Amino acid sequence: MSEEHPPTPPPAQPPEEPEQPKTGSMRFQDAESTRPRKPTVAEARARREREAELERQKAARAEAEQKAATRRKVLIGSGVTVGLVGVVATWYLATPSQVEAVCTDESGTIVQDNYCDESYITSQHGYYNPTTGLWVVPLVTGGFGQYRYNYGGTGSVGSHVLGGSYTAPSGNTTVKTKSGATVQRGGFGISGESGSGGS
């Protein structure tokens, strides 16, 4: 039999040395004694550019908000203006105005209202002349008398009319004579003839 040798132990390794920190590295930073390093030129430039960009964005936002506020004010003002114009127009259209008319001859002398009344004129075999805008009535003494309304004028029978116009008012204006007869409603002439007695 062979002799047995005891097993040989593995070769011994030297003991491990603890790792030494690398030069310039830091494991712990004390907030009380540590001072921040100055930024590099590139870092300082990047910071300035970023701050300038933020300022530009802030200014652009402020300008956009100012424009939006101005636009809102203009729209609100326009809406108020349109609303007021609508109210005034509605009031104007809804409020009937009234004008008094006097009958005059072709020279502007005020005569009795019946000389401008269509039913009286037709009963006297008269007619309306659209060219002159006058009612033509045969006279008992011979010849013809020509008559028309003066709107808004004043005076008494036999006197010359003061003021007014020979053009019939339009729109929502009611025209009445001194005797209370209605000559025009809503811009139409008497008996539906547009402009009758008014031109």
N, C-alpha and C. Protein backbone atom coordinates (compact mmCIF):
# COMPACT_ATOMS: atom_id res chain seq x y z
N MET A 1 0.79 -1.11 0.00
CA MET A 1 0.00 0.00 0.00
C MET A 1 0.85 1.20 0.00
N SER A 2 0.28 2.05 -0.47
CA SER A 2 1.07 3.25 -0.59
C SER A 2 0.83 4.14 0.60
N GLU A 3 1.76 4.92 0.74
CA GLU A 3 1.64 5.83 1.88
C GLU A 3 0.81 7.04 1.48
N GLU A 4 0.06 7.37 2.34
CA GLU A 4 -0.81 8.52 2.06
C GLU A 4 -0.20 9.74 2.65
N HIS A 5 -0.23 10.73 1.82
CA HIS A 5 0.28 12.02 2.29
C HIS A 5 -0.89 12.89 2.63
N PRO A 6 -0.65 13.67 3.60
CA PRO A 6 -1.76 14.59 3.93
C PRO A 6 -1.94 15.62 2.81
N PRO A 7 -3.12 16.07 2.57
CA PRO A 7 -3.36 17.05 1.48
C PRO A 7 -2.59 18.33 1.73
N THR A 8 -2.14 18.89 0.68
CA THR A 8 -1.36 20.11 0.82
C THR A 8 -2.31 21.31 0.82
N PRO A 9 -2.05 22.16 1.69
CA PRO A 9 -2.95 23.36 1.75
C PRO A 9 -2.69 24.28 0.57
N PRO A 10 -3.68 25.02 0.17
CA PRO A 10 -3.50 25.96 -0.95
C PRO A 10 -2.51 27.03 -0.54
N PRO A 11 -1.87 27.63 -1.51
CA PRO A 11 -0.86 28.63 -1.17
C PRO A 11 -1.52 29.82 -0.48
N ALA A 12 -0.88 30.39 0.41
CA ALA A 12 -1.41 31.51 1.19
C ALA A 12 -1.38 32.78 0.35
N GLN A 13 -2.45 33.54 0.48
CA GLN A 13 -2.55 34.80 -0.26
C GLN A 13 -2.30 35.93 0.71
N PRO A 14 -1.71 36.98 0.18
CA PRO A 14 -1.42 38.10 1.07
C PRO A 14 -2.74 38.74 1.51
N PRO A 15 -2.80 39.34 2.67
CA PRO A 15 -4.05 39.96 3.12
C PRO A 15 -4.43 41.15 2.23
N GLU A 16 -5.77 41.32 2.05
CA GLU A 16 -6.28 42.41 1.17
C GLU A 16 -6.08 43.74 1.86
N GLU A 17 -5.62 44.69 1.06
CA GLU A 17 -5.45 46.03 1.60
C GLU A 17 -6.74 46.81 1.35
N PRO A 18 -7.14 47.67 2.31
CA PRO A 18 -8.36 48.47 2.07
C PRO A 18 -8.12 49.46 0.92
N GLU A 19 -9.21 49.70 0.13
CA GLU A 19 -9.11 50.60 -1.02
C GLU A 19 -8.91 52.02 -0.56
N GLN A 20 -7.95 52.65 -1.15
CA GLN A 20 -7.67 54.04 -0.81
C GLN A 20 -8.51 54.93 -1.72
N PRO A 21 -9.06 56.05 -1.17
CA PRO A 21 -9.83 56.96 -2.03
C PRO A 21 -8.93 57.57 -3.08
N LYS A 22 -9.57 57.82 -4.27
CA LYS A 22 -8.82 58.42 -5.37
C LYS A 22 -8.64 59.89 -5.07
N THR A 23 -7.58 60.42 -5.57
CA THR A 23 -7.29 61.82 -5.35
C THR A 23 -8.35 62.67 -6.06
N GLY A 24 -8.91 63.69 -5.37
CA GLY A 24 -9.89 64.60 -5.95
C GLY A 24 -11.31 64.10 -5.86
N SER A 25 -11.53 62.90 -5.41
CA SER A 25 -12.91 62.42 -5.28
C SER A 25 -13.39 62.73 -3.89
N MET A 26 -14.69 62.68 -3.71
CA MET A 26 -15.25 63.10 -2.45
C MET A 26 -16.30 62.08 -2.03
N ARG A 27 -16.23 61.69 -0.80
CA ARG A 27 -17.22 60.74 -0.29
C ARG A 27 -18.27 61.47 0.52
N PHE A 28 -17.94 62.55 1.15
CA PHE A 28 -18.86 63.26 2.02
C PHE A 28 -18.62 64.74 1.84
N GLN A 29 -19.73 65.52 1.81
CA GLN A 29 -19.60 66.96 1.64
C GLN A 29 -20.27 67.61 2.83
N ASP A 30 -19.53 68.39 3.55
CA ASP A 30 -20.05 69.09 4.72
C ASP A 30 -20.65 70.40 4.24
N ALA A 31 -21.96 70.60 4.45
CA ALA A 31 -22.66 71.78 3.95
C ALA A 31 -22.18 73.05 4.63
N GLU A 32 -21.69 72.96 5.84
CA GLU A 32 -21.27 74.16 6.56
C GLU A 32 -19.92 74.68 6.09
N SER A 33 -19.08 73.81 5.67
CA SER A 33 -17.73 74.26 5.32
C SER A 33 -17.45 74.21 3.82
N THR A 34 -18.30 73.58 3.04
CA THR A 34 -18.05 73.45 1.61
C THR A 34 -18.46 74.72 0.87
N ARG A 35 -17.63 75.14 -0.04
CA ARG A 35 -17.91 76.33 -0.85
C ARG A 35 -18.14 75.86 -2.29
N PRO A 36 -19.18 76.47 -2.96
CA PRO A 36 -19.40 76.06 -4.35
C PRO A 36 -18.27 76.59 -5.24
N ARG A 37 -17.95 75.83 -6.24
CA ARG A 37 -16.90 76.28 -7.14
C ARG A 37 -17.49 77.29 -8.10
N LYS A 38 -16.67 78.11 -8.67
CA LYS A 38 -17.13 79.08 -9.65
C LYS A 38 -17.52 78.32 -10.91
N PRO A 39 -18.60 78.79 -11.58
CA PRO A 39 -18.98 78.08 -12.81
C PRO A 39 -17.96 78.32 -13.91
N THR A 40 -17.89 77.36 -14.78
CA THR A 40 -16.97 77.52 -15.90
C THR A 40 -17.55 78.56 -16.85
N VAL A 41 -16.75 79.00 -17.80
CA VAL A 41 -17.21 80.00 -18.77
C VAL A 41 -18.41 79.46 -19.54
N ALA A 42 -18.37 78.21 -19.95
CA ALA A 42 -19.48 77.60 -20.71
C ALA A 42 -20.74 77.52 -19.86
N GLU A 43 -20.58 77.13 -18.58
CA GLU A 43 -21.75 77.06 -17.69
C GLU A 43 -22.36 78.44 -17.48
N ALA A 44 -21.53 79.45 -17.28
CA ALA A 44 -22.03 80.82 -17.07
C ALA A 44 -22.77 81.31 -18.32
N ARG A 45 -22.20 81.04 -19.51
CA ARG A 45 -22.85 81.45 -20.75
C ARG A 45 -24.19 80.73 -20.92
N ALA A 46 -24.23 79.45 -20.66
CA ALA A 46 -25.48 78.69 -20.78
C ALA A 46 -26.54 79.22 -19.82
N ARG A 47 -26.12 79.56 -18.59
CA ARG A 47 -27.06 80.10 -17.60
C ARG A 47 -27.63 81.44 -18.09
N ARG A 48 -26.73 82.32 -18.61
CA ARG A 48 -27.19 83.63 -19.11
C ARG A 48 -28.16 83.46 -20.28
N GLU A 49 -27.84 82.54 -21.19
CA GLU A 49 -28.72 82.32 -22.34
C GLU A 49 -30.09 81.79 -21.89
N ARG A 50 -30.09 80.90 -20.93
CA ARG A 50 -31.35 80.35 -20.43
C ARG A 50 -32.18 81.44 -19.75
N GLU A 51 -31.52 82.29 -18.94
CA GLU A 51 -32.25 83.38 -18.28
C GLU A 51 -32.81 84.36 -19.31
N ALA A 52 -32.02 84.65 -20.36
CA ALA A 52 -32.50 85.56 -21.41
C ALA A 52 -33.69 84.94 -22.14
N GLU A 53 -33.63 83.64 -22.40
CA GLU A 53 -34.75 82.95 -23.06
C GLU A 53 -36.00 83.00 -22.20
N LEU A 54 -35.85 82.78 -20.90
CA LEU A 54 -37.00 82.85 -19.99
C LEU A 54 -37.60 84.26 -19.98
N GLU A 55 -36.74 85.29 -20.01
CA GLU A 55 -37.22 86.68 -20.04
C GLU A 55 -37.99 86.95 -21.34
N ARG A 56 -37.46 86.44 -22.47
CA ARG A 56 -38.16 86.63 -23.75
C ARG A 56 -39.53 85.96 -23.73
N GLN A 57 -39.58 84.75 -23.19
CA GLN A 57 -40.86 84.04 -23.11
C GLN A 57 -41.84 84.78 -22.21
N LYS A 58 -41.32 85.30 -21.09
CA LYS A 58 -42.18 86.04 -20.16
C LYS A 58 -42.72 87.30 -20.83
N ALA A 59 -41.86 88.03 -21.57
CA ALA A 59 -42.29 89.24 -22.28
C ALA A 59 -43.31 88.91 -23.36
N ALA A 60 -43.08 87.80 -24.09
CA ALA A 60 -44.01 87.40 -25.15
C ALA A 60 -45.37 87.04 -24.55
N ARG A 61 -45.36 86.33 -23.41
CA ARG A 61 -46.62 85.98 -22.73
C ARG A 61 -47.35 87.23 -22.29
N ALA A 62 -46.61 88.18 -21.71
CA ALA A 62 -47.23 89.43 -21.24
C ALA A 62 -47.82 90.21 -22.41
N GLU A 63 -47.10 90.25 -23.54
CA GLU A 63 -47.61 90.96 -24.72
C GLU A 63 -48.87 90.27 -25.26
N ALA A 64 -48.86 88.93 -25.31
CA ALA A 64 -50.03 88.20 -25.79
C ALA A 64 -51.23 88.43 -24.88
N GLU A 65 -50.99 88.43 -23.57
CA GLU A 65 -52.08 88.69 -22.62
C GLU A 65 -52.62 90.10 -22.79
N GLN A 66 -51.73 91.07 -23.03
CA GLN A 66 -52.15 92.46 -23.23
C GLN A 66 -53.01 92.57 -24.49
N LYS A 67 -52.57 91.92 -25.59
CA LYS A 67 -53.34 91.95 -26.83
C LYS A 67 -54.70 91.29 -26.63
N ALA A 68 -54.74 90.18 -25.92
CA ALA A 68 -56.01 89.49 -25.68
C ALA A 68 -56.94 90.36 -24.85
N ALA A 69 -56.38 91.04 -23.84
CA ALA A 69 -57.21 91.92 -23.01
C ALA A 69 -57.75 93.08 -23.84
N THR A 70 -56.90 93.66 -24.68
CA THR A 70 -57.35 94.76 -25.55
C THR A 70 -58.43 94.26 -26.50
N ARG A 71 -58.23 93.09 -27.09
CA ARG A 71 -59.22 92.52 -28.01
C ARG A 71 -60.54 92.29 -27.30
N ARG A 72 -60.48 91.77 -26.07
CA ARG A 72 -61.71 91.56 -25.29
C ARG A 72 -62.42 92.88 -25.05
N LYS A 73 -61.65 93.91 -24.68
CA LYS A 73 -62.26 95.22 -24.42
C LYS A 73 -62.91 95.78 -25.67
N VAL A 74 -62.22 95.62 -26.82
CA VAL A 74 -62.77 96.12 -28.08
C VAL A 74 -64.05 95.36 -28.42
N LEU A 75 -64.03 94.05 -28.25
CA LEU A 75 -65.23 93.26 -28.55
C LEU A 75 -66.38 93.62 -27.62
N ILE A 76 -66.07 93.81 -26.36
CA ILE A 76 -67.11 94.20 -25.40
C ILE A 76 -67.64 95.58 -25.77
N GLY A 77 -66.73 96.51 -26.07
CA GLY A 77 -67.15 97.85 -26.47
C GLY A 77 -67.99 97.83 -27.73
N SER A 78 -67.58 97.00 -28.70
CA SER A 78 -68.35 96.88 -29.94
C SER A 78 -69.72 96.30 -29.66
N GLY A 79 -69.77 95.31 -28.80
CA GLY A 79 -71.06 94.71 -28.44
C GLY A 79 -71.98 95.71 -27.78
N VAL A 80 -71.41 96.51 -26.88
CA VAL A 80 -72.21 97.53 -26.20
C VAL A 80 -72.70 98.56 -27.22
N THR A 81 -71.82 98.97 -28.13
CA THR A 81 -72.20 99.96 -29.15
C THR A 81 -73.31 99.42 -30.03
N VAL A 82 -73.14 98.18 -30.51
CA VAL A 82 -74.17 97.58 -31.35
C VAL A 82 -75.48 97.45 -30.58
N GLY A 83 -75.39 97.08 -29.32
CA GLY A 83 -76.59 96.97 -28.50
C GLY A 83 -77.29 98.30 -28.34
N LEU A 84 -76.51 99.36 -28.07
CA LEU A 84 -77.11 100.69 -27.92
C LEU A 84 -77.73 101.17 -29.23
N VAL A 85 -77.04 100.93 -30.34
CA VAL A 85 -77.60 101.32 -31.63
C VAL A 85 -78.90 100.57 -31.88
N GLY A 86 -78.92 99.29 -31.54
CA GLY A 86 -80.14 98.50 -31.69
C GLY A 86 -81.28 99.03 -30.84
N VAL A 87 -80.97 99.39 -29.60
CA VAL A 87 -82.01 99.92 -28.71
C VAL A 87 -82.54 101.25 -29.24
N VAL A 88 -81.64 102.12 -29.67
CA VAL A 88 -82.07 103.42 -30.21
C VAL A 88 -82.89 103.22 -31.48
N ALA A 89 -82.43 102.34 -32.37
CA ALA A 89 -83.17 102.09 -33.61
C ALA A 89 -84.54 101.51 -33.32
N THR A 90 -84.62 100.57 -32.39
CA THR A 90 -85.90 99.98 -32.02
C THR A 90 -86.82 101.03 -31.43
N TRP A 91 -86.27 101.86 -30.57
CA TRP A 91 -87.09 102.92 -29.97
C TRP A 91 -87.59 103.88 -31.05
N TYR A 92 -86.68 104.23 -31.98
CA TYR A 92 -87.04 105.15 -33.04
C TYR A 92 -88.14 104.56 -33.92
N LEU A 93 -87.99 103.28 -34.28
CA LEU A 93 -88.98 102.64 -35.14
C LEU A 93 -90.30 102.39 -34.41
N ALA A 94 -90.21 102.11 -33.12
CA ALA A 94 -91.42 101.78 -32.37
C ALA A 94 -92.20 103.02 -31.95
N THR A 95 -91.54 104.17 -31.90
CA THR A 95 -92.21 105.39 -31.48
C THR A 95 -92.76 106.10 -32.70
N PRO A 96 -94.08 106.07 -32.86
CA PRO A 96 -94.64 106.76 -34.02
C PRO A 96 -94.55 108.27 -33.83
N SER A 97 -94.03 108.95 -34.84
CA SER A 97 -94.00 110.41 -34.77
C SER A 97 -95.19 110.95 -35.56
N GLN A 98 -95.54 112.16 -35.27
CA GLN A 98 -96.70 112.75 -35.93
C GLN A 98 -96.34 114.14 -36.43
N VAL A 99 -96.80 114.44 -37.64
CA VAL A 99 -96.57 115.74 -38.26
C VAL A 99 -97.93 116.30 -38.66
N GLU A 100 -98.07 117.61 -38.49
CA GLU A 100 -99.32 118.24 -38.92
C GLU A 100 -99.12 118.82 -40.32
N ALA A 101 -100.11 118.59 -41.19
CA ALA A 101 -100.05 119.08 -42.56
C ALA A 101 -101.10 120.16 -42.76
N VAL A 102 -100.76 121.15 -43.57
CA VAL A 102 -101.72 122.19 -43.96
C VAL A 102 -101.83 122.18 -45.47
N CYS A 103 -103.03 122.41 -45.98
CA CYS A 103 -103.25 122.43 -47.42
C CYS A 103 -102.94 123.83 -47.94
N THR A 104 -102.13 123.89 -49.01
CA THR A 104 -101.76 125.19 -49.60
C THR A 104 -102.04 125.17 -51.10
N ASP A 105 -102.19 126.36 -51.67
CA ASP A 105 -102.29 126.44 -53.13
C ASP A 105 -100.88 126.46 -53.70
N GLU A 106 -100.78 126.57 -55.04
CA GLU A 106 -99.47 126.49 -55.68
C GLU A 106 -98.53 127.62 -55.26
N SER A 107 -99.07 128.73 -54.73
CA SER A 107 -98.21 129.85 -54.30
C SER A 107 -97.82 129.76 -52.83
N GLY A 108 -98.33 128.76 -52.09
CA GLY A 108 -97.98 128.59 -50.68
C GLY A 108 -98.95 129.24 -49.72
N THR A 109 -100.12 129.70 -50.20
CA THR A 109 -101.13 130.28 -49.32
C THR A 109 -101.98 129.15 -48.74
N ILE A 110 -102.20 129.19 -47.43
CA ILE A 110 -102.96 128.13 -46.77
C ILE A 110 -104.43 128.27 -47.14
N VAL A 111 -105.05 127.10 -47.51
CA VAL A 111 -106.47 127.04 -47.86
C VAL A 111 -107.14 126.00 -46.98
N GLN A 112 -108.46 125.83 -47.14
CA GLN A 112 -109.21 124.83 -46.37
C GLN A 112 -108.66 123.43 -46.67
N ASP A 113 -108.68 122.53 -45.67
CA ASP A 113 -108.14 121.18 -45.82
C ASP A 113 -108.83 120.39 -46.92
N ASN A 114 -110.12 120.67 -47.19
CA ASN A 114 -110.83 119.85 -48.17
C ASN A 114 -110.26 119.99 -49.58
N TYR A 115 -109.51 121.06 -49.89
CA TYR A 115 -108.91 121.22 -51.22
C TYR A 115 -107.77 120.20 -51.45
N CYS A 116 -107.31 119.56 -50.40
CA CYS A 116 -106.29 118.50 -50.53
C CYS A 116 -106.86 117.13 -50.18
N ASP A 117 -108.19 117.05 -50.00
CA ASP A 117 -108.84 115.79 -49.64
C ASP A 117 -109.26 115.07 -50.93
N GLU A 118 -108.83 113.85 -51.11
CA GLU A 118 -109.08 113.11 -52.34
C GLU A 118 -110.57 112.95 -52.63
N SER A 119 -111.36 112.63 -51.62
CA SER A 119 -112.80 112.42 -51.87
C SER A 119 -113.46 113.73 -52.33
N TYR A 120 -113.09 114.85 -51.75
CA TYR A 120 -113.64 116.15 -52.18
C TYR A 120 -113.19 116.48 -53.61
N ILE A 121 -111.92 116.25 -53.90
CA ILE A 121 -111.38 116.57 -55.23
C ILE A 121 -112.06 115.75 -56.31
N THR A 122 -112.23 114.44 -56.07
CA THR A 122 -112.90 113.61 -57.08
C THR A 122 -114.36 113.99 -57.22
N SER A 123 -115.01 114.42 -56.14
CA SER A 123 -116.41 114.86 -56.26
C SER A 123 -116.52 116.14 -57.08
N GLN A 124 -115.45 116.92 -57.16
CA GLN A 124 -115.42 118.16 -57.95
C GLN A 124 -114.80 117.91 -59.33
N HIS A 125 -114.63 116.64 -59.70
CA HIS A 125 -114.05 116.22 -60.98
C HIS A 125 -112.59 116.67 -61.10
N GLY A 126 -111.89 116.70 -59.97
CA GLY A 126 -110.46 117.03 -59.97
C GLY A 126 -109.62 115.76 -60.04
N TYR A 127 -108.34 115.92 -60.05
CA TYR A 127 -107.43 114.78 -60.16
C TYR A 127 -106.07 115.14 -59.56
N TYR A 128 -105.25 114.11 -59.41
CA TYR A 128 -103.88 114.31 -58.91
C TYR A 128 -102.93 114.30 -60.10
N ASN A 129 -102.08 115.30 -60.20
CA ASN A 129 -101.10 115.38 -61.28
C ASN A 129 -99.75 114.92 -60.73
N PRO A 130 -99.32 113.68 -61.09
CA PRO A 130 -98.07 113.16 -60.54
C PRO A 130 -96.83 113.92 -61.01
N THR A 131 -96.91 114.61 -62.13
CA THR A 131 -95.77 115.36 -62.64
C THR A 131 -95.48 116.56 -61.75
N THR A 132 -96.51 117.29 -61.37
CA THR A 132 -96.32 118.48 -60.53
C THR A 132 -96.44 118.17 -59.05
N GLY A 133 -97.10 117.03 -58.72
CA GLY A 133 -97.33 116.70 -57.33
C GLY A 133 -98.45 117.53 -56.72
N LEU A 134 -99.32 118.07 -57.56
CA LEU A 134 -100.41 118.93 -57.07
C LEU A 134 -101.77 118.30 -57.39
N TRP A 135 -102.74 118.58 -56.51
CA TRP A 135 -104.13 118.22 -56.78
C TRP A 135 -104.71 119.33 -57.65
N VAL A 136 -105.34 118.96 -58.73
CA VAL A 136 -105.91 119.94 -59.65
C VAL A 136 -107.43 119.90 -59.50
N VAL A 137 -108.04 121.07 -59.19
CA VAL A 137 -109.49 121.15 -58.96
C VAL A 137 -110.05 122.26 -59.85
N PRO A 138 -111.12 121.92 -60.63
CA PRO A 138 -111.74 122.99 -61.42
C PRO A 138 -112.41 124.01 -60.49
N LEU A 139 -112.28 125.29 -60.81
CA LEU A 139 -112.88 126.35 -60.00
C LEU A 139 -114.24 126.75 -60.57
N VAL A 140 -115.14 127.22 -59.72
CA VAL A 140 -116.47 127.65 -60.13
C VAL A 140 -116.35 128.84 -61.08
N THR A 141 -115.39 129.68 -60.84
CA THR A 141 -115.20 130.89 -61.66
C THR A 141 -114.49 130.60 -62.96
N GLY A 142 -114.12 129.35 -63.21
CA GLY A 142 -113.39 128.97 -64.40
C GLY A 142 -111.92 128.75 -64.07
N GLY A 143 -111.25 127.97 -64.86
CA GLY A 143 -109.85 127.67 -64.61
C GLY A 143 -109.70 126.53 -63.60
N PHE A 144 -108.51 126.37 -63.15
CA PHE A 144 -108.21 125.29 -62.21
C PHE A 144 -107.39 125.83 -61.04
N GLY A 145 -107.62 125.25 -59.87
CA GLY A 145 -106.80 125.54 -58.71
C GLY A 145 -105.89 124.34 -58.45
N GLN A 146 -104.68 124.59 -58.02
CA GLN A 146 -103.74 123.50 -57.75
C GLN A 146 -103.34 123.56 -56.27
N TYR A 147 -103.43 122.39 -55.60
CA TYR A 147 -103.24 122.34 -54.15
C TYR A 147 -102.33 121.18 -53.77
N ARG A 148 -101.67 121.36 -52.64
CA ARG A 148 -100.82 120.29 -52.09
C ARG A 148 -100.64 120.53 -50.60
N TYR A 149 -100.19 119.45 -49.93
CA TYR A 149 -99.94 119.54 -48.50
C TYR A 149 -98.55 120.10 -48.23
N ASN A 150 -98.46 120.89 -47.16
CA ASN A 150 -97.18 121.33 -46.61
C ASN A 150 -97.07 120.61 -45.27
N TYR A 151 -95.98 119.87 -45.07
CA TYR A 151 -95.80 119.05 -43.87
C TYR A 151 -94.96 119.79 -42.85
N GLY A 152 -95.57 120.08 -41.70
CA GLY A 152 -94.84 120.72 -40.61
C GLY A 152 -94.90 122.24 -40.64
N GLY A 153 -95.51 122.82 -41.67
CA GLY A 153 -95.61 124.28 -41.75
C GLY A 153 -96.70 124.80 -40.82
N THR A 154 -96.65 126.11 -40.54
CA THR A 154 -97.64 126.72 -39.65
C THR A 154 -98.27 127.93 -40.32
N GLY A 155 -99.40 128.32 -39.79
CA GLY A 155 -100.10 129.50 -40.30
C GLY A 155 -101.60 129.24 -40.28
N SER A 156 -102.37 130.26 -40.67
CA SER A 156 -103.83 130.12 -40.70
C SER A 156 -104.32 130.31 -42.13
N VAL A 157 -105.57 129.92 -42.37
CA VAL A 157 -106.16 130.00 -43.70
C VAL A 157 -106.05 131.43 -44.21
N GLY A 158 -105.57 131.58 -45.46
CA GLY A 158 -105.41 132.89 -46.09
C GLY A 158 -104.02 133.46 -45.94
N SER A 159 -103.20 132.94 -45.01
CA SER A 159 -101.84 133.45 -44.84
C SER A 159 -100.85 132.53 -45.56
N HIS A 160 -99.66 133.05 -45.80
CA HIS A 160 -98.61 132.26 -46.44
C HIS A 160 -98.05 131.28 -45.40
N VAL A 161 -97.82 130.02 -45.79
CA VAL A 161 -97.31 129.00 -44.87
C VAL A 161 -95.89 129.35 -44.43
N LEU A 162 -95.60 129.12 -43.16
CA LEU A 162 -94.27 129.37 -42.61
C LEU A 162 -93.59 128.03 -42.31
N GLY A 163 -92.44 127.81 -42.92
CA GLY A 163 -91.66 126.60 -42.64
C GLY A 163 -92.26 125.37 -43.28
N GLY A 164 -91.84 124.22 -42.77
CA GLY A 164 -92.34 122.95 -43.27
C GLY A 164 -91.68 122.55 -44.58
N SER A 165 -92.23 121.49 -45.17
CA SER A 165 -91.69 120.95 -46.41
C SER A 165 -92.83 120.40 -47.24
N TYR A 166 -92.67 120.41 -48.56
CA TYR A 166 -93.68 119.84 -49.45
C TYR A 166 -93.37 118.37 -49.74
N THR A 167 -92.32 117.85 -49.15
CA THR A 167 -91.99 116.44 -49.31
C THR A 167 -92.60 115.66 -48.16
N ALA A 168 -93.38 114.63 -48.50
CA ALA A 168 -94.05 113.83 -47.47
C ALA A 168 -93.01 113.09 -46.63
N PRO A 169 -93.18 113.07 -45.31
CA PRO A 169 -92.24 112.33 -44.47
C PRO A 169 -92.39 110.84 -44.70
N SER A 170 -91.30 110.12 -44.53
CA SER A 170 -91.36 108.67 -44.71
C SER A 170 -91.17 107.99 -43.37
N GLY A 171 -91.23 106.68 -43.40
CA GLY A 171 -91.01 105.92 -42.17
C GLY A 171 -92.30 105.74 -41.39
N ASN A 172 -92.16 105.79 -40.09
CA ASN A 172 -93.29 105.52 -39.20
C ASN A 172 -93.95 106.83 -38.76
N THR A 173 -94.08 107.77 -39.69
CA THR A 173 -94.63 109.08 -39.36
C THR A 173 -96.10 109.14 -39.76
N THR A 174 -96.92 109.57 -38.84
CA THR A 174 -98.34 109.78 -39.13
C THR A 174 -98.53 111.25 -39.42
N VAL A 175 -99.26 111.54 -40.50
CA VAL A 175 -99.53 112.92 -40.89
C VAL A 175 -101.01 113.18 -40.72
N LYS A 176 -101.34 114.23 -39.97
CA LYS A 176 -102.74 114.61 -39.75
C LYS A 176 -102.91 116.09 -40.06
N THR A 177 -104.15 116.45 -40.42
CA THR A 177 -104.47 117.85 -40.67
C THR A 177 -104.89 118.50 -39.36
N LYS A 178 -105.09 119.83 -39.40
CA LYS A 178 -105.55 120.54 -38.20
C LYS A 178 -106.92 120.04 -37.76
N SER A 179 -107.73 119.61 -38.74
CA SER A 179 -109.07 119.12 -38.41
C SER A 179 -109.04 117.70 -37.86
N GLY A 180 -107.87 117.04 -37.88
CA GLY A 180 -107.73 115.71 -37.30
C GLY A 180 -107.78 114.58 -38.31
N ALA A 181 -107.97 114.89 -39.60
CA ALA A 181 -108.01 113.84 -40.62
C ALA A 181 -106.60 113.30 -40.84
N THR A 182 -106.50 111.98 -40.98
CA THR A 182 -105.20 111.35 -41.21
C THR A 182 -104.89 111.38 -42.70
N VAL A 183 -103.74 111.94 -43.03
CA VAL A 183 -103.31 112.04 -44.42
C VAL A 183 -102.41 110.87 -44.79
N GLN A 184 -101.57 110.44 -43.87
CA GLN A 184 -100.59 109.41 -44.18
C GLN A 184 -100.30 108.57 -42.95
N ARG A 185 -100.16 107.27 -43.19
CA ARG A 185 -99.72 106.35 -42.13
C ARG A 185 -98.53 105.57 -42.66
N GLY A 186 -97.46 105.57 -41.93
CA GLY A 186 -96.30 104.72 -42.25
C GLY A 186 -95.65 105.00 -43.59
N GLY A 187 -95.73 106.21 -44.11
CA GLY A 187 -95.02 106.55 -45.33
C GLY A 187 -95.83 106.40 -46.60
N PHE A 188 -97.10 105.99 -46.52
CA PHE A 188 -97.92 105.87 -47.72
C PHE A 188 -98.79 107.11 -47.87
N GLY A 189 -99.06 107.49 -49.10
CA GLY A 189 -99.90 108.67 -49.36
C GLY A 189 -101.35 108.38 -49.07
N ILE A 190 -102.21 109.37 -49.23
CA ILE A 190 -103.62 109.19 -48.94
C ILE A 190 -104.22 108.21 -49.92
N SER A 191 -105.15 107.42 -49.46
CA SER A 191 -105.85 106.41 -50.26
C SER A 191 -104.89 105.47 -50.97
N GLY A 192 -103.73 105.25 -50.38
CA GLY A 192 -102.79 104.29 -50.94
C GLY A 192 -101.96 104.83 -52.09
N GLU A 193 -102.17 106.06 -52.55
CA GLU A 193 -101.35 106.60 -53.62
C GLU A 193 -100.05 107.12 -53.02
N SER A 194 -98.98 106.50 -53.40
CA SER A 194 -97.69 106.89 -52.84
C SER A 194 -97.34 108.31 -53.24
N GLY A 195 -97.06 109.13 -52.25
CA GLY A 195 -96.62 110.50 -52.52
C GLY A 195 -97.74 111.43 -52.91
N SER A 196 -98.99 110.99 -52.85
CA SER A 196 -100.07 111.87 -53.28
C SER A 196 -100.16 113.08 -52.38
N GLY A 197 -100.25 114.22 -52.99
CA GLY A 197 -100.36 115.47 -52.26
C GLY A 197 -99.08 115.86 -51.57
N GLY A 198 -98.01 115.07 -51.69
CA GLY A 198 -96.82 115.39 -50.93
C GLY A 198 -95.65 115.83 -51.76
N SER A 199 -95.70 115.65 -53.06
CA SER A 199 -94.53 115.99 -53.86
C SER A 199 -94.53 117.42 -54.28
